[in-house]
C-alpha atoms as a PDB file:
ATOM      1  CA  MET A   1    -169.941 169.510 -12.948  1.00  0.00           C
ATOM      2  CA  THR A   2    -170.508 172.732 -12.946  1.00  0.00           C
ATOM      3  CA  LEU A   3    -170.614 175.131  -9.572  1.00  0.00           C
ATOM      4  CA  ARG A   4    -173.812 175.495 -10.355  1.00  0.00           C
ATOM      5  CA  GLU A   5    -174.708 171.681 -10.311  1.00  0.00           C
ATOM      6  CA  THR A   6    -172.590 170.865  -7.536  1.00  0.00           C
ATOM      7  CA  VAL A   7    -174.508 173.601  -6.087  1.00  0.00           C
ATOM      8  CA  SER A   8    -177.836 172.109  -6.586  1.00  0.00           C
ATOM      9  CA  PHE A   9    -176.229 168.162  -5.457  1.00  0.00           C
ATOM     10  CA  LEU A  10    -175.399 169.491  -2.029  1.00  0.00           C
ATOM     11  CA  LYS A  11    -178.657 170.826  -1.636  1.00  0.00           C
ATOM     12  CA  GLU A  12    -180.438 167.576  -2.586  1.00  0.00           C
ATOM     13  CA  SER A  13    -177.878 165.883  -0.423  1.00  0.00           C
ATOM     14  CA  ASP A  14    -177.642 164.996   2.805  1.00  0.00           C
ATOM     15  CA  ASN A  15    -176.102 163.240   6.181  1.00  0.00           C
ATOM     16  CA  PHE A  16    -172.209 164.413   4.423  1.00  0.00           C
ATOM     17  CA  ILE A  17    -168.838 162.358   4.924  1.00  0.00           C
ATOM     18  CA  ILE A  18    -165.861 164.489   3.833  1.00  0.00           C
ATOM     19  CA  LEU A  19    -162.802 163.111   3.327  1.00  0.00           C
ATOM     20  CA  THR A  20    -159.089 164.943   3.453  1.00  0.00           C
ATOM     21  CA  HIS A  21    -156.174 163.152   2.121  1.00  0.00           C
ATOM     22  CA  ARG A  22    -153.241 161.431   4.238  1.00  0.00           C
ATOM     23  CA  ARG A  23    -150.560 163.642   5.244  1.00  0.00           C
ATOM     24  CA  PRO A  24    -152.955 166.964   5.332  1.00  0.00           C
ATOM     25  CA  ASP A  25    -152.195 170.058   4.538  1.00  0.00           C
ATOM     26  CA  GLY A  26    -154.135 173.389   5.080  1.00  0.00           C
ATOM     27  CA  ASP A  27    -155.451 173.497   1.743  1.00  0.00           C
ATOM     28  CA  THR A  28    -157.503 169.282   2.377  1.00  0.00           C
ATOM     29  CA  VAL A  29    -157.920 171.027   5.517  1.00  0.00           C
ATOM     30  CA  GLY A  30    -159.247 174.316   5.726  1.00  0.00           C
ATOM     31  CA  SER A  31    -161.231 173.195   2.487  1.00  0.00           C
ATOM     32  CA  ALA A  32    -163.067 170.693   4.167  1.00  0.00           C
ATOM     33  CA  SER A  33    -163.476 172.452   7.362  1.00  0.00           C
ATOM     34  CA  ALA A  34    -164.815 175.379   6.034  1.00  0.00           C
ATOM     35  CA  LEU A  35    -167.680 173.150   3.752  1.00  0.00           C
ATOM     36  CA  CYS A  36    -168.451 171.401   6.573  1.00  0.00           C
ATOM     37  CA  ARG A  37    -169.608 174.446   8.420  1.00  0.00           C
ATOM     38  CA  GLY A  38    -170.746 175.655   5.578  1.00  0.00           C
ATOM     39  CA  LEU A  39    -173.224 172.757   5.094  1.00  0.00           C
ATOM     40  CA  ARG A  40    -173.558 172.881   9.064  1.00  0.00           C
ATOM     41  CA  GLY A  41    -175.053 176.508   8.465  1.00  0.00           C
ATOM     42  CA  ILE A  42    -178.033 175.347   5.838  1.00  0.00           C
ATOM     43  CA  GLY A  43    -179.207 173.002   8.262  1.00  0.00           C
ATOM     44  CA  LYS A  44    -177.228 169.792   6.556  1.00  0.00           C
ATOM     45  CA  CYS A  45    -175.718 167.372   8.896  1.00  0.00           C
ATOM     46  CA  ALA A  46    -172.365 166.608   7.869  1.00  0.00           C
ATOM     47  CA  TYR A  47    -168.828 165.577   9.649  1.00  0.00           C
ATOM     48  CA  LEU A  48    -164.999 165.343   8.802  1.00  0.00           C
ATOM     49  CA  SER A  49    -163.854 162.122   8.883  1.00  0.00           C
ATOM     50  CA  ASP A  50    -161.377 161.408  10.674  1.00  0.00           C
ATOM     51  CA  ASN A  51    -157.435 161.952   9.704  1.00  0.00           C
ATOM     52  CA  ASP A  52    -154.772 161.323  12.425  1.00  0.00           C
ATOM     53  CA  GLY A  53    -151.960 162.932  10.378  1.00  0.00           C
ATOM     54  CA  VAL A  54    -153.702 166.712  10.850  1.00  0.00           C
ATOM     55  CA  THR A  55    -150.776 168.423  13.046  1.00  0.00           C
ATOM     56  CA  ARG A  56    -150.977 170.410  16.251  1.00  0.00           C
ATOM     57  CA  ARG A  57    -151.337 173.578  13.895  1.00  0.00           C
ATOM     58  CA  LEU A  58    -153.755 172.599  11.552  1.00  0.00           C
ATOM     59  CA  ALA A  59    -155.939 170.782  14.409  1.00  0.00           C
ATOM     60  CA  PRO A  60    -158.181 174.072  15.783  1.00  0.00           C
ATOM     61  CA  PHE A  61    -159.494 174.571  12.331  1.00  0.00           C
ATOM     62  CA  ALA A  62    -161.097 170.898  12.350  1.00  0.00           C
ATOM     63  CA  GLU A  63    -162.501 170.774  16.269  1.00  0.00           C
ATOM     64  CA  GLY A  64    -165.849 169.923  16.506  1.00  0.00           C
ATOM     65  CA  LEU A  65    -166.119 168.666  13.309  1.00  0.00           C
ATOM     66  CA  PHE A  66    -164.712 165.355  12.925  1.00  0.00           C
ATOM     67  CA  ALA A  67    -167.347 162.173  13.339  1.00  0.00           C
ATOM     68  CA  PRO A  68    -168.555 160.327  16.082  1.00  0.00           C
ATOM     69  CA  GLU A  69    -168.304 156.631  16.557  1.00  0.00           C
ATOM     70  CA  GLY A  70    -170.979 154.967  14.227  1.00  0.00           C
ATOM     71  CA  TYR A  71    -172.083 157.542  12.242  1.00  0.00           C
ATOM     72  CA  THR A  72    -173.097 156.140   8.797  1.00  0.00           C
ATOM     73  CA  PRO A  73    -173.048 159.177   5.848  1.00  0.00           C
ATOM     74  CA  ASP A  74    -175.666 159.291   3.374  1.00  0.00           C
ATOM     75  CA  THR A  75    -173.121 161.037   0.860  1.00  0.00           C
ATOM     76  CA  VAL A  76    -169.446 160.929   0.301  1.00  0.00           C
ATOM     77  CA  ILE A  77    -167.326 164.291  -0.401  1.00  0.00           C
ATOM     78  CA  ALA A  78    -163.335 164.319  -1.055  1.00  0.00           C
ATOM     79  CA  VAL A  79    -161.443 167.415  -1.029  1.00  0.00           C
ATOM     80  CA  ASP A  80    -158.761 168.633  -2.407  1.00  0.00           C
ATOM     81  CA  ILE A  81    -157.976 164.919  -3.157  1.00  0.00           C
ATOM     82  CA  ALA A  82    -156.530 163.859  -6.239  1.00  0.00           C
ATOM     83  CA  ASP A  83    -156.524 160.524  -6.554  1.00  0.00           C
ATOM     84  CA  GLU A  84    -157.800 157.298  -4.154  1.00  0.00           C
ATOM     85  CA  LYS A  85    -153.879 156.294  -3.348  1.00  0.00           C
ATOM     86  CA  LEU A  86    -153.938 159.417  -1.085  1.00  0.00           C
ATOM     87  CA  PHE A  87    -157.294 158.558   0.937  1.00  0.00           C
ATOM     88  CA  CYS A  88    -155.956 158.164   4.485  1.00  0.00           C
ATOM     89  CA  ALA A  89    -155.723 154.084   5.358  1.00  0.00           C
ATOM     90  CA  SER A  90    -158.672 154.573   7.594  1.00  0.00           C
ATOM     91  CA  ASP A  91    -161.257 155.960   4.582  1.00  0.00           C
ATOM     92  CA  GLY A  92    -159.787 152.898   2.587  1.00  0.00           C
ATOM     93  CA  HIS A  93    -163.207 151.670   2.786  1.00  0.00           C
ATOM     94  CA  TYR A  94    -164.769 154.394   0.929  1.00  0.00           C
ATOM     95  CA  CYS A  95    -162.810 153.730  -2.225  1.00  0.00           C
ATOM     96  CA  GLY A  96    -165.510 153.434  -5.208  1.00  0.00           C
ATOM     97  CA  LYS A  97    -168.066 155.055  -3.227  1.00  0.00           C
ATOM     98  CA  VAL A  98    -167.658 159.349  -3.539  1.00  0.00           C
ATOM     99  CA  ASP A  99    -170.312 160.834  -4.632  1.00  0.00           C
ATOM    100  CA  LEU A 100    -167.943 164.356  -5.112  1.00  0.00           C
ATOM    101  CA  CYS A 101    -164.835 165.580  -5.613  1.00  0.00           C
ATOM    102  CA  ILE A 102    -164.044 168.875  -5.251  1.00  0.00           C
ATOM    103  CA  ASP A 103    -160.490 169.562  -6.897  1.00  0.00           C
ATOM    104  CA  HIS A 104    -158.344 171.837  -8.290  1.00  0.00           C
ATOM    105  CA  HIS A 105    -154.945 169.065  -9.047  1.00  0.00           C
ATOM    106  CA  PRO A 106    -154.982 168.594 -12.871  1.00  0.00           C
ATOM    107  CA  THR A 107    -154.096 165.049 -12.229  1.00  0.00           C
ATOM    108  CA  ASN A 108    -157.530 163.952 -10.287  1.00  0.00           C
ATOM    109  CA  THR A 109    -157.733 160.484 -11.801  1.00  0.00           C
ATOM    110  CA  GLN A 110    -161.572 161.346 -12.044  1.00  0.00           C
ATOM    111  CA  TYR A 111    -162.830 158.376  -9.488  1.00  0.00           C
ATOM    112  CA  ALA A 112    -165.812 159.902  -7.346  1.00  0.00           C
ATOM    113  CA  ARG A 113    -169.028 160.174  -9.496  1.00  0.00           C
ATOM    114  CA  HIS A 114    -169.617 163.698  -9.318  1.00  0.00           C
ATOM    115  CA  LEU A 115    -166.477 165.925  -9.934  1.00  0.00           C
ATOM    116  CA  LEU A 116    -165.770 169.891  -9.411  1.00  0.00           C
ATOM    117  CA  LEU A 117    -162.622 170.471 -10.849  1.00  0.00           C
ATOM    118  CA  ASP A 118    -160.786 173.499 -11.415  1.00  0.00           C
ATOM    119  CA  GLN A 119    -157.167 172.830 -12.331  1.00  0.00           C
ATOM    120  CA  GLY A 120    -156.192 176.529 -13.075  1.00  0.00           C
ATOM    121  CA  GLU A 121    -157.636 177.451  -9.501  1.00  0.00           C
ATOM    122  CA  ALA A 122    -154.408 177.740  -6.997  1.00  0.00           C
ATOM    123  CA  ALA A 123    -156.424 176.274  -4.046  1.00  0.00           C
ATOM    124  CA  THR A 124    -159.837 174.047  -3.479  1.00  0.00           C
ATOM    125  CA  GLY A 125    -160.345 176.680  -0.610  1.00  0.00           C
ATOM    126  CA  ALA A 126    -161.010 179.628  -3.672  1.00  0.00           C
ATOM    127  CA  ILE A 127    -163.299 177.021  -4.959  1.00  0.00           C
ATOM    128  CA  VAL A 128    -165.148 175.959  -2.006  1.00  0.00           C
ATOM    129  CA  TRP A 129    -165.613 179.695  -0.753  1.00  0.00           C
ATOM    130  CA  GLN A 130    -167.092 179.855  -4.168  1.00  0.00           C
ATOM    131  CA  LEU A 131    -169.231 176.822  -2.994  1.00  0.00           C
ATOM    132  CA  ILE A 132    -170.492 178.257   0.390  1.00  0.00           C
ATOM    133  CA  GLY A 133    -171.431 182.070  -0.768  1.00  0.00           C
ATOM    134  CA  GLU A 134    -174.132 180.183  -3.694  1.00  0.00           C
ATOM    135  CA  ILE A 135    -175.419 177.488  -1.298  1.00  0.00           C
ATOM    136  CA  GLY A 136    -176.250 180.565   0.836  1.00  0.00           C
ATOM    137  CA  ALA A 137    -174.613 179.624   3.979  1.00  0.00           C
ATOM    138  CA  ASP A 138    -173.354 182.516   6.703  1.00  0.00           C
ATOM    139  CA  LYS A 139    -169.507 183.373   6.457  1.00  0.00           C
ATOM    140  CA  THR A 140    -168.419 182.692  10.004  1.00  0.00           C
ATOM    141  CA  ARG A 141    -165.105 183.707  11.308  1.00  0.00           C
ATOM    142  CA  GLU A 142    -164.493 180.130  11.766  1.00  0.00           C
ATOM    143  CA  ILE A 143    -165.034 179.557   8.019  1.00  0.00           C
ATOM    144  CA  CYS A 144    -163.240 182.680   7.304  1.00  0.00           C
ATOM    145  CA  ASN A 145    -160.462 181.227   9.020  1.00  0.00           C
ATOM    146  CA  ALA A 146    -160.292 177.702   7.506  1.00  0.00           C
ATOM    147  CA  VAL A 147    -160.480 179.359   3.885  1.00  0.00           C
ATOM    148  CA  TYR A 148    -157.637 181.949   4.417  1.00  0.00           C
ATOM    149  CA  LEU A 149    -155.849 179.126   5.352  1.00  0.00           C
ATOM    150  CA  ALA A 150    -156.124 176.836   2.699  1.00  0.00           C
ATOM    151  CA  ILE A 151    -155.770 179.719   0.008  1.00  0.00           C
ATOM    152  CA  ALA A 152    -152.649 181.085   1.793  1.00  0.00           C
ATOM    153  CA  THR A 153    -151.031 177.894   2.080  1.00  0.00           C
ATOM    154  CA  ASP A 154    -151.325 176.855  -1.021  1.00  0.00           C
ATOM    155  CA  THR A 155    -150.175 180.473  -2.041  1.00  0.00           C
ATOM    156  CA  GLY A 156    -147.198 180.064  -0.190  1.00  0.00           C
ATOM    157  CA  CYS A 157    -148.833 183.557   1.306  1.00  0.00           C
ATOM    158  CA  PHE A 158    -149.579 185.025  -1.939  1.00  0.00           C
ATOM    159  CA  LYS A 159    -145.615 184.400  -3.836  1.00  0.00           C
ATOM    160  CA  TYR A 160    -146.203 181.312  -5.735  1.00  0.00           C
ATOM    161  CA  SER A 161    -147.236 181.829  -9.352  1.00  0.00           C
ATOM    162  CA  ASN A 162    -150.182 179.894  -9.412  1.00  0.00           C
ATOM    163  CA  THR A 163    -152.010 182.721  -7.547  1.00  0.00           C
ATOM    164  CA  THR A 164    -155.028 183.658  -9.159  1.00  0.00           C
ATOM    165  CA  PRO A 165    -157.050 187.145  -8.886  1.00  0.00           C
ATOM    166  CA  LEU A 166    -159.624 184.796  -7.060  1.00  0.00           C
ATOM    167  CA  CYS A 167    -157.320 183.826  -4.441  1.00  0.00           C
ATOM    168  CA  HIS A 168    -156.830 187.317  -3.722  1.00  0.00           C
ATOM    169  CA  ARG A 169    -160.528 188.757  -3.538  1.00  0.00           C
ATOM    170  CA  ALA A 170    -161.141 185.365  -1.451  1.00  0.00           C
ATOM    171  CA  ALA A 171    -158.578 186.146   0.926  1.00  0.00           C
ATOM    172  CA  ALA A 172    -159.639 189.902   1.104  1.00  0.00           C
ATOM    173  CA  GLU A 173    -163.172 189.272   1.670  1.00  0.00           C
ATOM    174  CA  CYS A 174    -162.580 186.570   4.262  1.00  0.00           C
ATOM    175  CA  ILE A 175    -160.143 189.562   6.275  1.00  0.00           C
ATOM    176  CA  GLU A 176    -163.089 191.986   5.930  1.00  0.00           C
ATOM    177  CA  LEU A 177    -165.417 189.706   7.471  1.00  0.00           C
ATOM    178  CA  GLY A 178    -163.359 188.808  10.457  1.00  0.00           C
ATOM    179  CA  ALA A 179    -160.613 186.242   9.012  1.00  0.00           C
ATOM    180  CA  ASP A 180    -157.793 186.113  11.779  1.00  0.00           C
ATOM    181  CA  PHE A 181    -154.892 186.337   9.268  1.00  0.00           C
ATOM    182  CA  HIS A 182    -152.178 187.837  11.102  1.00  0.00           C
ATOM    183  CA  PRO A 183    -152.082 184.878  13.373  1.00  0.00           C
ATOM    184  CA  ILE A 184    -152.740 182.302  10.593  1.00  0.00           C
ATOM    185  CA  ASN A 185    -149.619 184.150   8.933  1.00  0.00           C
ATOM    186  CA  THR A 186    -147.607 184.130  11.763  1.00  0.00           C
ATOM    187  CA  ALA A 187    -147.778 180.786  12.883  1.00  0.00           C
ATOM    188  CA  PHE A 188    -147.818 178.990   8.910  1.00  0.00           C
ATOM    189  CA  PHE A 189    -145.337 181.313   7.341  1.00  0.00           C
ATOM    190  CA  VAL A 190    -143.021 183.392  10.253  1.00  0.00           C
ATOM    191  CA  VAL A 191    -142.628 181.159  14.028  1.00  0.00           C
ATOM    192  CA  LYS A 192    -140.265 178.475  13.048  1.00  0.00           C
ATOM    193  CA  THR A 193    -139.279 175.365  16.138  1.00  0.00           C
ATOM    194  CA  PRO A 194    -135.896 174.609  16.959  1.00  0.00           C
ATOM    195  CA  ALA A 195    -136.246 171.301  14.902  1.00  0.00           C
ATOM    196  CA  ARG A 196    -137.338 173.510  12.018  1.00  0.00           C
ATOM    197  CA  LEU A 197    -134.528 175.176  11.775  1.00  0.00           C
ATOM    198  CA  ALA A 198    -132.547 172.101  12.536  1.00  0.00           C
ATOM    199  CA  LEU A 199    -133.775 170.383   9.340  1.00  0.00           C
ATOM    200  CA  GLU A 200    -133.359 173.543   7.187  1.00  0.00           C
ATOM    201  CA  SER A 201    -129.975 173.531   7.730  1.00  0.00           C
ATOM    202  CA  GLU A 202    -129.786 169.636   7.291  1.00  0.00           C
ATOM    203  CA  MET A 203    -131.380 169.841   4.101  1.00  0.00           C
ATOM    204  CA  PHE A 204    -129.341 172.511   2.691  1.00  0.00           C
ATOM    205  CA  GLY A 205    -126.177 170.916   3.906  1.00  0.00           C
ATOM    206  CA  SER A 206    -126.650 167.796   2.017  1.00  0.00           C
ATOM    207  CA  LEU A 207    -127.568 169.354  -1.084  1.00  0.00           C
ATOM    208  CA  VAL A 208    -126.272 167.678  -4.161  1.00  0.00           C
ATOM    209  CA  MET A 209    -126.205 169.753  -7.157  1.00  0.00           C
ATOM    210  CA  SER A 210    -126.669 168.567 -11.125  1.00  0.00           C
ATOM    211  CA  GLU A 211    -123.677 169.340 -13.551  1.00  0.00           C
ATOM    212  CA  CYS A 212    -125.497 172.222 -15.142  1.00  0.00           C
ATOM    213  CA  SER A 213    -126.057 173.476 -11.903  1.00  0.00           C
ATOM    214  CA  ARG A 214    -130.081 174.209 -12.447  1.00  0.00           C
ATOM    215  CA  ALA A 215    -131.204 170.821 -10.552  1.00  0.00           C
ATOM    216  CA  CYS A 216    -130.448 169.674  -7.226  1.00  0.00           C
ATOM    217  CA  ILE A 217    -131.235 167.349  -4.159  1.00  0.00           C
ATOM    218  CA  ALA A 218    -131.688 167.211  -0.755  1.00  0.00           C
ATOM    219  CA  VAL A 219    -132.151 164.568   1.971  1.00  0.00           C
ATOM    220  CA  ILE A 220    -133.211 164.037   5.560  1.00  0.00           C
ATOM    221  CA  SER A 221    -132.741 161.029   7.097  1.00  0.00           C
ATOM    222  CA  ARG A 222    -135.033 159.665   9.080  1.00  0.00           C
ATOM    223  CA  ASP A 223    -131.994 159.404  12.281  1.00  0.00           C
ATOM    224  CA  PHE A 224    -131.840 162.860  11.694  1.00  0.00           C
ATOM    225  CA  ILE A 225    -136.107 163.768  12.431  1.00  0.00           C
ATOM    226  CA  GLU A 226    -135.990 161.212  15.310  1.00  0.00           C
ATOM    227  CA  ARG A 227    -132.865 162.972  17.039  1.00  0.00           C
ATOM    228  CA  THR A 228    -134.501 166.714  16.970  1.00  0.00           C
ATOM    229  CA  GLN A 229    -137.695 165.114  17.539  1.00  0.00           C
ATOM    230  CA  ALA A 230    -139.127 166.939  14.480  1.00  0.00           C
ATOM    231  CA  ASP A 231    -142.949 166.863  13.968  1.00  0.00           C
ATOM    232  CA  MET A 232    -144.705 166.821  10.641  1.00  0.00           C
ATOM    233  CA  ASP A 233    -145.506 170.346  11.200  1.00  0.00           C
ATOM    234  CA  ASP A 234    -141.684 171.091  11.615  1.00  0.00           C
ATOM    235  CA  LEU A 235    -141.816 168.521   8.184  1.00  0.00           C
ATOM    236  CA  ASP A 236    -144.678 171.242   6.071  1.00  0.00           C
ATOM    237  CA  ASN A 237    -143.236 172.223   3.018  1.00  0.00           C
ATOM    238  CA  LEU A 238    -139.884 172.285   3.378  1.00  0.00           C
ATOM    239  CA  SER A 239    -138.912 171.247  -0.375  1.00  0.00           C
ATOM    240  CA  SER A 240    -140.123 175.045  -1.118  1.00  0.00           C
ATOM    241  CA  LEU A 241    -136.945 176.460   0.126  1.00  0.00           C
ATOM    242  CA  LEU A 242    -134.988 175.090  -2.317  1.00  0.00           C
ATOM    243  CA  MET A 243    -136.191 177.581  -4.689  1.00  0.00           C
ATOM    244  CA  GLN A 244    -134.329 180.047  -3.063  1.00  0.00           C
ATOM    245  CA  LEU A 245    -131.389 179.343  -4.835  1.00  0.00           C
ATOM    246  CA  GLU A 246    -131.003 181.517  -7.357  1.00  0.00           C
ATOM    247  CA  GLN A 247    -129.791 179.075 -10.516  1.00  0.00           C
ATOM    248  CA  ILE A 248    -132.255 176.495  -9.354  1.00  0.00           C
ATOM    249  CA  LYS A 249    -135.015 175.211 -11.856  1.00  0.00           C
ATOM    250  CA  VAL A 250    -135.806 172.191 -10.858  1.00  0.00           C
ATOM    251  CA  GLY A 251    -135.197 170.846  -6.540  1.00  0.00           C
ATOM    252  CA  GLY A 252    -136.183 167.660  -4.884  1.00  0.00           C
ATOM    253  CA  LEU A 253    -136.326 166.535  -1.413  1.00  0.00           C
ATOM    254  CA  LEU A 254    -136.554 163.391   0.050  1.00  0.00           C
ATOM    255  CA  THR A 255    -137.315 163.177   3.622  1.00  0.00           C
ATOM    256  CA  GLU A 256    -136.994 158.975   5.042  1.00  0.00           C
ATOM    257  CA  ASN A 257    -140.097 157.796   6.355  1.00  0.00           C
ATOM    258  CA  LYS A 258    -140.505 155.890   9.393  1.00  0.00           C
ATOM    259  CA  GLN A 259    -139.829 152.632   6.503  1.00  0.00           C
ATOM    260  CA  ARG A 260    -136.362 152.743   6.509  1.00  0.00           C
ATOM    261  CA  GLY A 261    -135.245 152.954   2.885  1.00  0.00           C
ATOM    262  CA  THR A 262    -138.576 154.777   1.766  1.00  0.00           C
ATOM    263  CA  TYR A 263    -138.276 158.284   0.883  1.00  0.00           C
ATOM    264  CA  LYS A 264    -141.388 160.639   0.393  1.00  0.00           C
ATOM    265  CA  LEU A 265    -140.580 163.548  -2.499  1.00  0.00           C
ATOM    266  CA  SER A 266    -141.371 166.661  -2.970  1.00  0.00           C
ATOM    267  CA  VAL A 267    -140.717 168.432  -5.747  1.00  0.00           C
ATOM    268  CA  ARG A 268    -140.901 172.321  -7.031  1.00  0.00           C
ATOM    269  CA  SER A 269    -139.812 173.845 -10.509  1.00  0.00           C
ATOM    270  CA  ARG A 270    -140.005 176.901 -12.449  1.00  0.00           C
ATOM    271  CA  ALA A 271    -141.338 177.768 -15.008  1.00  0.00           C
ATOM    272  CA  PRO A 272    -141.259 175.591 -17.429  1.00  0.00           C
ATOM    273  CA  VAL A 273    -139.971 172.981 -15.610  1.00  0.00           C
ATOM    274  CA  ASN A 274    -142.491 170.685 -14.770  1.00  0.00           C
ATOM    275  CA  ALA A 275    -142.037 169.117 -11.295  1.00  0.00           C
ATOM    276  CA  ALA A 276    -145.768 166.824 -12.246  1.00  0.00           C
ATOM    277  CA  ALA A 277    -143.552 165.037 -14.924  1.00  0.00           C
ATOM    278  CA  VAL A 278    -140.417 164.239 -12.494  1.00  0.00           C
ATOM    279  CA  CYS A 279    -142.676 162.982  -9.697  1.00  0.00           C
ATOM    280  CA  ALA A 280    -144.749 161.190 -12.265  1.00  0.00           C
ATOM    281  CA  LYS A 281    -142.162 158.703 -12.800  1.00  0.00           C
ATOM    282  CA  PHE A 282    -142.066 157.584  -8.956  1.00  0.00           C
ATOM    283  CA  ASP A 283    -146.006 156.844  -8.704  1.00  0.00           C
ATOM    284  CA  GLY A 284    -146.919 160.107  -7.907  1.00  0.00           C
ATOM    285  CA  GLY A 285    -148.223 163.371  -9.612  1.00  0.00           C
ATOM    286  CA  GLY A 286    -149.297 167.352  -8.061  1.00  0.00           C
ATOM    287  CA  HIS A 287    -149.142 170.860 -10.057  1.00  0.00           C
ATOM    288  CA  ALA A 288    -146.903 172.051 -13.172  1.00  0.00           C
ATOM    289  CA  ARG A 289    -144.427 173.674  -9.908  1.00  0.00           C
ATOM    290  CA  ALA A 290    -145.503 171.551  -6.841  1.00  0.00           C
ATOM    291  CA  ALA A 291    -146.070 167.829  -6.582  1.00  0.00           C
ATOM    292  CA  GLY A 292    -144.999 164.396  -4.963  1.00  0.00           C
ATOM    293  CA  GLY A 293    -144.062 161.320  -4.922  1.00  0.00           C
ATOM    294  CA  SER A 294    -142.077 157.958  -3.730  1.00  0.00           C
ATOM    295  CA  LEU A 295    -138.841 156.248  -3.884  1.00  0.00           C
ATOM    296  CA  SER A 296    -137.399 153.327  -2.841  1.00  0.00           C
ATOM    297  CA  GLY A 297    -133.692 152.085  -1.970  1.00  0.00           C
ATOM    298  CA  SER A 298    -130.719 153.095  -0.822  1.00  0.00           C
ATOM    299  CA  ARG A 299    -129.637 157.162  -0.341  1.00  0.00           C
ATOM    300  CA  GLU A 300    -127.375 157.333  -3.132  1.00  0.00           C
ATOM    301  CA  ASP A 301    -129.975 155.117  -5.271  1.00  0.00           C
ATOM    302  CA  CYS A 302    -132.803 157.119  -4.955  1.00  0.00           C
ATOM    303  CA  VAL A 303    -130.543 160.949  -5.575  1.00  0.00           C
ATOM    304  CA  SER A 304    -129.492 159.312  -8.516  1.00  0.00           C
ATOM    305  CA  ALA A 305    -132.539 158.088  -9.911  1.00  0.00           C
ATOM    306  CA  LEU A 306    -134.450 161.538  -9.056  1.00  0.00           C
ATOM    307  CA  MET A 307    -131.256 163.299 -10.652  1.00  0.00           C
ATOM    308  CA  GLN A 308    -131.807 161.540 -14.209  1.00  0.00           C
ATOM    309  CA  ALA A 309    -135.176 162.381 -13.872  1.00  0.00           C
ATOM    310  CA  MET A 310    -134.881 165.881 -13.144  1.00  0.00           C
ATOM    311  CA  THR A 311    -132.048 166.735 -16.070  1.00  0.00           C
ATOM    312  CA  GLU A 312    -133.957 164.561 -18.387  1.00  0.00           C
ATOM    313  CA  GLU A 313    -137.044 166.692 -17.790  1.00  0.00           C
ATOM    314  CA  LEU A 314    -134.618 169.888 -18.223  1.00  0.00           C
ATOM    315  CA  SER A 315    -133.167 168.636 -21.739  1.00  0.00           C
ATOM    316  CA  ASN A 316    -136.708 168.629 -22.911  1.00  0.00           C
ATOM    317  CA  VAL A 317    -137.353 172.655 -22.338  1.00  0.00           C
END
């Protein structure tokens, strides 16, 4: 669908439920919260579907928006979700029933009845910002905060190569309209807990380098996570730090899940290395510079398999 067609769809529909992806980040929560508030602003009934993965830093942006028990929606919207596999477990019954997906991932599987997809945009939040303006909703401070969060987190506070002019314009408009940008930037990009600092030290201490010194892998064990009492906010976006190493073209972080021997994979890269191509070999995907997947097996076997995939991708560029 085009932006205009999506606006018509939203105006003609009602009784919305908005889905966010498992292991939620600032873009999915910020985009969904902003859209929910925007729809309410034009007289629609709209709620977020419950997501028990929403962290302490993200929770304030979604406060008061979750659906009450027993709510029955007429229209299901998925925001920033490329694949039904990324639905929360509690949203599994919505598989095959999504009316509209709003997304920016090139790996979107087109599972929804309607799709508004802008693969060139850095954050779904920037797309939602356009929609809110087009449907005629007031851009309240709460909406501006949510959109600013969405854009800032998916652009690394505007330093990633995916940052677009629209992101800067939308963020500037949010600031002009009262977004609390400094507290948001401080909370998400400056302040670190002791657990976060310990995780960063452990990550760099576990570093395995490729023979060509252009790829690296770090591993965070579940035992270390539990020992430091790190939460999901502490674990957020650790992999991006691997790209601080000057010679590195692609870096991967394996974070052990609660189920021992299974790992969440997060890959970051510099052009022309394609992070999504690496993660596609491990039941994952995402963007060219940032992608994710999953592995299972011994620590040594997972590191070996990931290093092989990375070096193969390096040889192709």
